[in-house]
Every structure is written in C-alpha cells, then in structure tokens.
Amino acid sequence: MRAVENIASEIASTSIPVLITGESGTGKKELARWIHQSSRSTDKALLSIACATLTPETITSQLRLHDRKEPSVGTVVFDDVADLARDCQHRLLHVLPDDDAVPQPERLAARVISTTSENLEDEVRTGRFRDDLYYRLSGVCLRIPPLRDRREDIPLLVGQMLTKHSARLKKQLPVLSELSMERLMEHSWPGNVRELENTVMKIVALDERIALADLAKAPVAPRTTHSIGNERSLKSAARAASQAAEREMILKTLTRTQWNRKRAAQELRVSYKSLLYKIKQIGLPGPGSR
C-alpha cells in the first residue's frame, strides 16, 4: 500500500490516465477520489460513471461534453470499466483526450481514472475489450492488494473506522477487547475493506459481541505464515518478471527508433506522456548511455 500511495502521489498532479485494479471492496473508488483531491483540478467536480449503464447514445451527455468551453468536471472515473459494451468502447475511444493533439470539440476535457475488478489484459486477449482503449486508459496501473494480503493494516483501519462512525452515529467510541481484535485479524475478509467497515459500523451501532457473532461463523484464514510467505514471494517474482520484460521491450523499441520517443510510443501503443513516465519509473538510461 505504501508503494501504491507513493506512485499515486507522484502522478496526482499530472494528467496521465490511471487504471486502478483490485478485488471488489478494496477501496478503488476511494483511491480515485484521493488522486482527484490531490490534483490540480481539485476545485472542479469529480464525476463517477458506472460503465454498465453507458450506451453509445448517452456517452456525450454523461461526460458533459457540451461543457467543453467551460468544463466543470476535473476528473472522470469510469467505474467497472470492464462492463463497457463493445459499441460503447468504440465510442469512448473517440472522445477520450489525446495527449499529442490540440484540444478538440467533442473530446473529454478532464483527467481520466478507470477502475476494474477484472483482469483487463485477459479481456483484451479474449477480444472482449479493445486493446487500443486499454492502452489509452492504462497510462499508469495501480493494483490495490486484498485485505488478506495486508493484515498489518487492519488495526489502523479499525481505529480510523471506529472514530469515524462513532462521530457519525453520535455513539461512545468503543474500546475493543484483545480477543475481538484477534478475531478481526484472523478473518479472511472476502469482502475486503468494505466488509471490514460494515463490521466496524455494527460494532459502533450495537456492540462487539453482537457484531462479531456472524463473523465467528465465517471461515477463519489459516495462520500458516509459510504459505503466506510463499504467496508473497510468487507475487513478487511475477511483478519483477513483468517489470523486467517491460523494461526490455521499451529499451529495444527506443533503440530501434534511435530514441525517437514519439515513434516508440506509437509502436508500443501507449501515449507519449505515459512512455516518458515509464522511462523515468523503470530507470532507463538516456540515448547513448551504456
């Protein structure tokens, strides 16, 4: 989560499109809202659109493209972008901002953030999602890990949620017993942060014994640190391999184009700004370096 927050902080003030992935309930919308609030457009509105409700005919009105002269929206969040119908994908592709072009009428004049619980790369491979739209939306990808992979965050999250909901419900701030906190730490949290927050709200509204009664019936996560450690090692290895492959591909393309970064961006099918960011992010040498 620190790595996610660090990258989000670096890109918040830019216009680079962001794709936020993660299981349902991990907090993708909250991260999108934080990026908007940390951006240069925080004085403008954040518009969240459920992609399942879009049609080719409603895209123009939903995105408020008629406000092009005096745009009131600073950031548009496409929620569950994998739910976009194929004809909507085609229409959306032609209204998204183009980094290398002068702003045009009927193009979106706002920062674009997309969220998904699906693996969009798999969706592209199976033909359910357009590859050109995927590359346009995924300038920077941020993956929020599930709560079961970051249990050390649970006490901090619980403390923040208890304070928040006690004030909202005008209730006394509960002090959880050691046994209750241990139960919260052991639960597998299939609903992630959303499920945890619902449980904390019940603790505040009722009491911890009643709120945790249903939790006690749910399966408890195994306490085998060995298997958890192996899982993290495999994930780390997969991330490292992916980053190495990406670095090699970018370097080969830059070499082939004699470090013409605009041509390289076209060949790699990413925006020019996204390529510049990735060059900096993975620490590639400049032209002529060894």
Protein backbone atom coordinates (compact mmCIF):
# COMPACT_ATOMS: atom_id res chain seq x y z
CA MET A 1 0.00 0.00 0.00
CA ARG A 2 2.92 2.36 0.64
CA ALA A 3 4.15 1.68 -2.90
CA VAL A 4 0.66 2.38 -4.29
CA GLU A 5 0.39 5.60 -2.28
CA ASN A 6 3.87 6.77 -3.36
CA ILE A 7 3.09 6.30 -7.06
CA ALA A 8 -0.35 7.89 -6.64
CA SER A 9 1.31 10.92 -5.00
CA GLU A 10 3.77 11.29 -7.89
CA ILE A 11 1.12 11.17 -10.63
CA ALA A 12 -1.69 13.07 -8.87
CA SER A 13 -0.64 16.44 -10.27
CA THR A 14 -0.24 15.13 -13.84
CA SER A 15 -2.88 14.37 -16.46
CA ILE A 16 -1.73 10.77 -17.01
CA PRO A 17 -4.72 8.39 -17.19
CA VAL A 18 -4.82 5.92 -14.31
CA LEU A 19 -6.19 2.38 -14.19
CA ILE A 20 -6.91 1.12 -10.66
CA THR A 21 -7.35 -2.63 -10.28
CA GLY A 22 -8.23 -4.80 -7.32
CA GLU A 23 -10.85 -7.11 -5.91
CA SER A 24 -14.30 -5.78 -5.07
CA GLY A 25 -14.29 -3.79 -1.85
CA THR A 26 -10.56 -2.97 -1.75
CA GLY A 27 -11.09 0.80 -2.00
CA LYS A 28 -10.60 1.60 -5.68
CA LYS A 29 -13.12 4.46 -5.64
CA GLU A 30 -11.54 5.93 -2.52
CA LEU A 31 -8.10 5.93 -4.18
CA ALA A 32 -9.56 7.59 -7.29
CA ARG A 33 -11.14 10.26 -5.08
CA TRP A 34 -7.84 10.83 -3.27
CA ILE A 35 -5.98 11.28 -6.59
CA HIS A 36 -8.57 13.84 -7.69
CA GLN A 37 -8.36 15.72 -4.39
CA SER A 38 -4.56 15.83 -4.74
CA SER A 39 -4.67 17.01 -8.36
CA ARG A 40 -4.60 20.45 -9.92
CA SER A 41 -8.31 20.11 -10.68
CA THR A 42 -9.48 19.68 -7.11
CA ASP A 43 -11.57 22.88 -7.48
CA LYS A 44 -13.64 21.12 -10.16
CA ALA A 45 -16.07 18.24 -9.81
CA LEU A 46 -15.31 14.53 -9.67
CA LEU A 47 -17.70 12.68 -11.98
CA SER A 48 -18.12 8.94 -11.38
CA ILE A 49 -19.82 6.90 -14.11
CA ALA A 50 -20.98 3.28 -13.80
CA CYS A 51 -19.84 1.82 -17.11
CA ALA A 52 -22.58 -0.83 -17.13
CA THR A 53 -25.15 1.99 -17.55
CA LEU A 54 -23.48 3.65 -20.54
CA THR A 55 -24.79 3.41 -24.08
CA PRO A 56 -23.21 4.93 -27.21
CA GLU A 57 -26.05 7.48 -27.24
CA THR A 58 -25.62 8.58 -23.61
CA ILE A 59 -21.83 8.90 -23.53
CA THR A 60 -21.86 12.52 -24.74
CA SER A 61 -24.44 13.63 -22.17
CA GLN A 62 -22.97 11.57 -19.31
CA LEU A 63 -19.49 13.00 -19.90
CA ARG A 64 -20.93 16.52 -20.19
CA LEU A 65 -19.07 17.13 -23.45
CA HIS A 66 -21.41 20.06 -24.06
CA ASP A 67 -19.49 21.87 -21.28
CA ARG A 68 -16.33 21.86 -23.40
CA LYS A 69 -15.86 25.66 -23.36
CA GLU A 70 -16.14 25.95 -19.58
CA PRO A 71 -15.62 22.44 -18.24
CA SER A 72 -16.93 21.94 -14.72
CA VAL A 73 -15.54 18.42 -14.32
CA GLY A 74 -11.87 17.95 -13.42
CA THR A 75 -11.76 14.14 -13.19
CA VAL A 76 -13.95 11.43 -14.68
CA VAL A 77 -13.91 7.99 -13.02
CA PHE A 78 -15.08 5.11 -15.20
CA ASP A 79 -16.24 2.62 -12.58
CA ASP A 80 -16.01 -1.08 -13.54
CA VAL A 81 -14.67 -0.26 -17.00
CA ALA A 82 -14.69 -3.97 -17.99
CA ASP A 83 -18.51 -3.71 -18.06
CA LEU A 84 -18.42 -1.40 -21.08
CA ALA A 85 -20.32 -2.83 -24.04
CA ARG A 86 -18.25 -3.23 -27.21
CA ASP A 87 -20.04 -0.42 -29.08
CA CYS A 88 -19.51 1.86 -26.07
CA GLN A 89 -15.80 1.06 -26.11
CA HIS A 90 -15.60 2.25 -29.72
CA ARG A 91 -17.47 5.47 -28.94
CA LEU A 92 -15.48 6.18 -25.77
CA LEU A 93 -12.17 5.75 -27.59
CA HIS A 94 -13.06 8.66 -29.85
CA VAL A 95 -13.98 11.08 -27.07
CA LEU A 96 -11.05 10.49 -24.72
CA PRO A 97 -8.41 13.24 -24.55
CA ASP A 98 -5.49 12.81 -26.95
CA ASP A 99 -2.16 13.77 -25.33
CA ASP A 100 -0.48 14.74 -28.57
CA ALA A 101 -3.33 16.73 -30.06
CA VAL A 102 -4.65 20.24 -29.58
CA PRO A 103 -7.88 20.03 -27.53
CA GLN A 104 -10.78 19.37 -29.89
CA PRO A 105 -14.55 19.82 -29.56
CA GLU A 106 -16.40 16.64 -28.55
CA ARG A 107 -13.34 15.34 -26.68
CA LEU A 108 -13.30 14.95 -22.94
CA ALA A 109 -11.50 17.82 -21.19
CA ALA A 110 -10.86 16.03 -17.90
CA ARG A 111 -8.46 13.65 -16.15
CA VAL A 112 -9.46 10.01 -16.71
CA ILE A 113 -9.32 7.35 -13.99
CA SER A 114 -10.73 3.86 -14.53
CA THR A 115 -11.41 1.07 -12.05
CA THR A 116 -11.90 -2.64 -12.56
CA SER A 117 -12.06 -5.88 -10.62
CA GLU A 118 -11.35 -7.86 -13.79
CA ASN A 119 -8.04 -8.68 -15.45
CA LEU A 120 -8.27 -6.35 -18.45
CA GLU A 121 -5.26 -7.95 -20.12
CA ASP A 122 -7.20 -11.23 -20.21
CA GLU A 123 -10.25 -9.35 -21.51
CA VAL A 124 -8.08 -7.92 -24.32
CA ARG A 125 -6.68 -11.37 -25.18
CA THR A 126 -10.17 -12.85 -25.47
CA GLY A 127 -11.39 -9.95 -27.57
CA ARG A 128 -13.95 -8.71 -25.05
CA PHE A 129 -12.10 -5.42 -24.53
CA ARG A 130 -10.46 -3.28 -27.20
CA ASP A 131 -6.68 -3.25 -26.95
CA ASP A 132 -6.42 0.37 -28.17
CA LEU A 133 -8.84 1.51 -25.45
CA TYR A 134 -6.94 -0.48 -22.83
CA TYR A 135 -3.65 1.20 -23.75
CA ARG A 136 -5.33 4.61 -23.72
CA LEU A 137 -6.74 4.08 -20.22
CA SER A 138 -3.73 2.38 -18.62
CA GLY A 139 -1.15 5.15 -18.59
CA VAL A 140 -0.30 4.08 -15.03
CA CYS A 141 -1.72 0.93 -13.43
CA LEU A 142 -2.22 0.81 -9.66
CA ARG A 143 -3.14 -2.52 -8.05
CA ILE A 144 -4.71 -2.42 -4.59
CA PRO A 145 -3.95 -5.68 -2.76
CA PRO A 146 -6.77 -7.53 -0.98
CA LEU A 147 -7.07 -7.05 2.76
CA ARG A 148 -5.98 -10.64 3.47
CA ASP A 149 -2.57 -9.77 1.98
CA ARG A 150 -2.09 -6.73 4.23
CA ARG A 151 -3.38 -7.79 7.62
CA GLU A 152 -0.96 -5.45 9.35
CA ASP A 153 -3.23 -2.59 8.15
CA ILE A 154 -6.29 -3.94 9.99
CA PRO A 155 -5.67 -2.36 13.45
CA LEU A 156 -5.04 1.06 11.85
CA LEU A 157 -8.12 0.78 9.62
CA VAL A 158 -10.29 -0.37 12.53
CA GLY A 159 -9.12 2.57 14.66
CA GLN A 160 -9.93 5.08 11.90
CA MET A 161 -13.33 3.49 11.22
CA LEU A 162 -14.30 3.37 14.91
CA THR A 163 -13.54 7.09 15.25
CA LYS A 164 -15.38 7.96 12.02
CA HIS A 165 -18.57 6.01 12.73
CA SER A 166 -18.71 6.88 16.44
CA ALA A 167 -18.80 10.56 15.48
CA ARG A 168 -21.29 9.96 12.67
CA LEU A 169 -23.66 7.87 14.80
CA LYS A 170 -23.10 10.00 17.93
CA LYS A 171 -22.02 6.95 19.92
CA GLN A 172 -19.31 6.48 22.51
CA LEU A 173 -16.00 5.35 20.99
CA PRO A 174 -15.76 1.59 21.65
CA VAL A 175 -12.60 0.03 23.06
CA LEU A 176 -12.19 -3.41 21.53
CA SER A 177 -11.04 -6.35 23.58
CA GLU A 178 -7.87 -8.19 22.65
CA LEU A 179 -9.97 -11.23 21.70
CA SER A 180 -12.13 -9.17 19.31
CA MET A 181 -9.10 -7.63 17.61
CA GLU A 182 -7.57 -11.09 17.25
CA ARG A 183 -10.78 -12.27 15.60
CA LEU A 184 -10.68 -9.33 13.19
CA MET A 185 -7.06 -10.13 12.35
CA GLU A 186 -7.82 -13.81 11.70
CA HIS A 187 -10.87 -13.34 9.47
CA SER A 188 -10.27 -13.89 5.74
CA TRP A 189 -12.26 -10.75 4.68
CA PRO A 190 -13.58 -11.90 1.28
CA GLY A 191 -15.38 -8.55 1.04
CA ASN A 192 -12.14 -6.69 1.79
CA VAL A 193 -12.18 -3.17 3.30
CA ARG A 194 -15.90 -2.75 2.57
CA GLU A 195 -16.74 -5.82 4.67
CA LEU A 196 -14.44 -4.63 7.46
CA GLU A 197 -16.15 -1.22 7.52
CA ASN A 198 -19.60 -2.79 7.68
CA THR A 199 -18.43 -4.89 10.64
CA VAL A 200 -17.00 -1.83 12.42
CA MET A 201 -20.26 0.07 11.88
CA LYS A 202 -22.14 -2.79 13.57
CA ILE A 203 -19.65 -2.70 16.45
CA VAL A 204 -20.38 1.00 16.96
CA ALA A 205 -24.15 0.73 16.47
CA LEU A 206 -24.64 -2.43 18.55
CA ASP A 207 -21.69 -3.89 20.45
CA GLU A 208 -18.70 -6.02 19.58
CA ARG A 209 -20.24 -9.26 20.85
CA ILE A 210 -23.29 -8.98 18.57
CA ALA A 211 -21.32 -7.54 15.64
CA LEU A 212 -18.73 -10.31 15.72
CA ALA A 213 -21.26 -13.14 16.15
CA ASP A 214 -21.73 -13.51 12.39
CA LEU A 215 -18.01 -13.13 11.87
CA ALA A 216 -17.40 -16.11 14.15
CA LYS A 217 -19.42 -18.29 11.76
CA ALA A 218 -17.29 -17.32 8.78
CA PRO A 219 -14.18 -19.27 7.79
CA VAL A 220 -11.01 -18.20 9.54
CA ALA A 221 -7.90 -17.60 7.45
CA PRO A 222 -5.13 -20.17 8.02
CA ARG A 223 -2.38 -19.00 10.33
CA THR A 224 0.39 -20.66 8.36
CA THR A 225 2.93 -17.94 7.74
CA HIS A 226 4.85 -20.30 5.48
CA SER A 227 2.10 -20.44 2.84
CA ILE A 228 1.52 -16.67 3.09
CA GLY A 229 5.22 -16.07 2.66
CA ASN A 230 5.35 -18.29 -0.41
CA GLU A 231 2.36 -16.48 -1.91
CA ARG A 232 4.04 -13.13 -1.46
CA SER A 233 7.27 -14.46 -2.91
CA LEU A 234 5.46 -15.72 -6.00
CA LYS A 235 3.70 -12.39 -6.43
CA SER A 236 6.96 -10.51 -6.01
CA ALA A 237 8.63 -12.76 -8.56
CA ALA A 238 5.77 -12.24 -11.02
CA ARG A 239 5.93 -8.46 -10.61
CA ALA A 240 9.71 -8.46 -11.03
CA ALA A 241 9.48 -10.59 -14.18
CA SER A 242 6.78 -8.31 -15.62
CA GLN A 243 8.81 -5.18 -14.91
CA ALA A 244 11.94 -6.72 -16.44
CA ALA A 245 10.04 -7.71 -19.60
CA GLU A 246 8.51 -4.24 -19.86
CA ARG A 247 11.91 -2.59 -19.41
CA GLU A 248 13.48 -4.78 -22.11
CA MET A 249 10.64 -4.14 -24.57
CA ILE A 250 10.79 -0.37 -24.08
CA LEU A 251 14.59 -0.31 -24.40
CA LYS A 252 14.55 -2.40 -27.61
CA THR A 253 11.88 -0.15 -29.14
CA LEU A 254 13.78 3.01 -28.22
CA THR A 255 16.97 1.55 -29.70
CA ARG A 256 15.16 0.55 -32.90
CA THR A 257 13.66 4.04 -33.27
CA GLN A 258 17.00 5.70 -32.39
CA TRP A 259 15.41 7.11 -29.22
CA ASN A 260 12.62 8.83 -31.10
CA ARG A 261 10.23 8.61 -28.17
CA LYS A 262 7.12 9.65 -30.10
CA ARG A 263 7.69 6.87 -32.65
CA ALA A 264 8.44 4.45 -29.83
CA ALA A 265 5.19 5.40 -28.08
CA GLN A 266 3.28 4.74 -31.30
CA GLU A 267 4.90 1.32 -31.73
CA LEU A 268 4.27 0.42 -28.10
CA ARG A 269 0.70 1.73 -28.40
CA VAL A 270 0.88 3.98 -25.36
CA SER A 271 0.59 7.74 -25.09
CA TYR A 272 3.76 9.83 -25.33
CA LYS A 273 3.38 11.05 -21.73
CA SER A 274 2.87 7.51 -20.49
CA LEU A 275 6.10 6.41 -22.18
CA LEU A 276 8.04 9.30 -20.64
CA TYR A 277 6.70 8.34 -17.22
CA LYS A 278 7.61 4.67 -17.68
CA ILE A 279 11.14 5.59 -18.85
CA LYS A 280 11.60 7.53 -15.64
CA GLN A 281 9.83 4.92 -13.49
CA ILE A 282 11.98 1.97 -14.57
CA GLY A 283 15.19 3.96 -14.66
CA LEU A 284 16.21 3.57 -18.30
CA PRO A 285 19.43 5.30 -19.40
CA GLY A 286 19.34 8.19 -21.81
CA PRO A 287 20.26 7.85 -25.50
CA GLY A 288 23.89 6.94 -25.99
CA SER A 289 24.27 5.57 -22.43
CA ARG A 290 25.75 2.19 -21.81
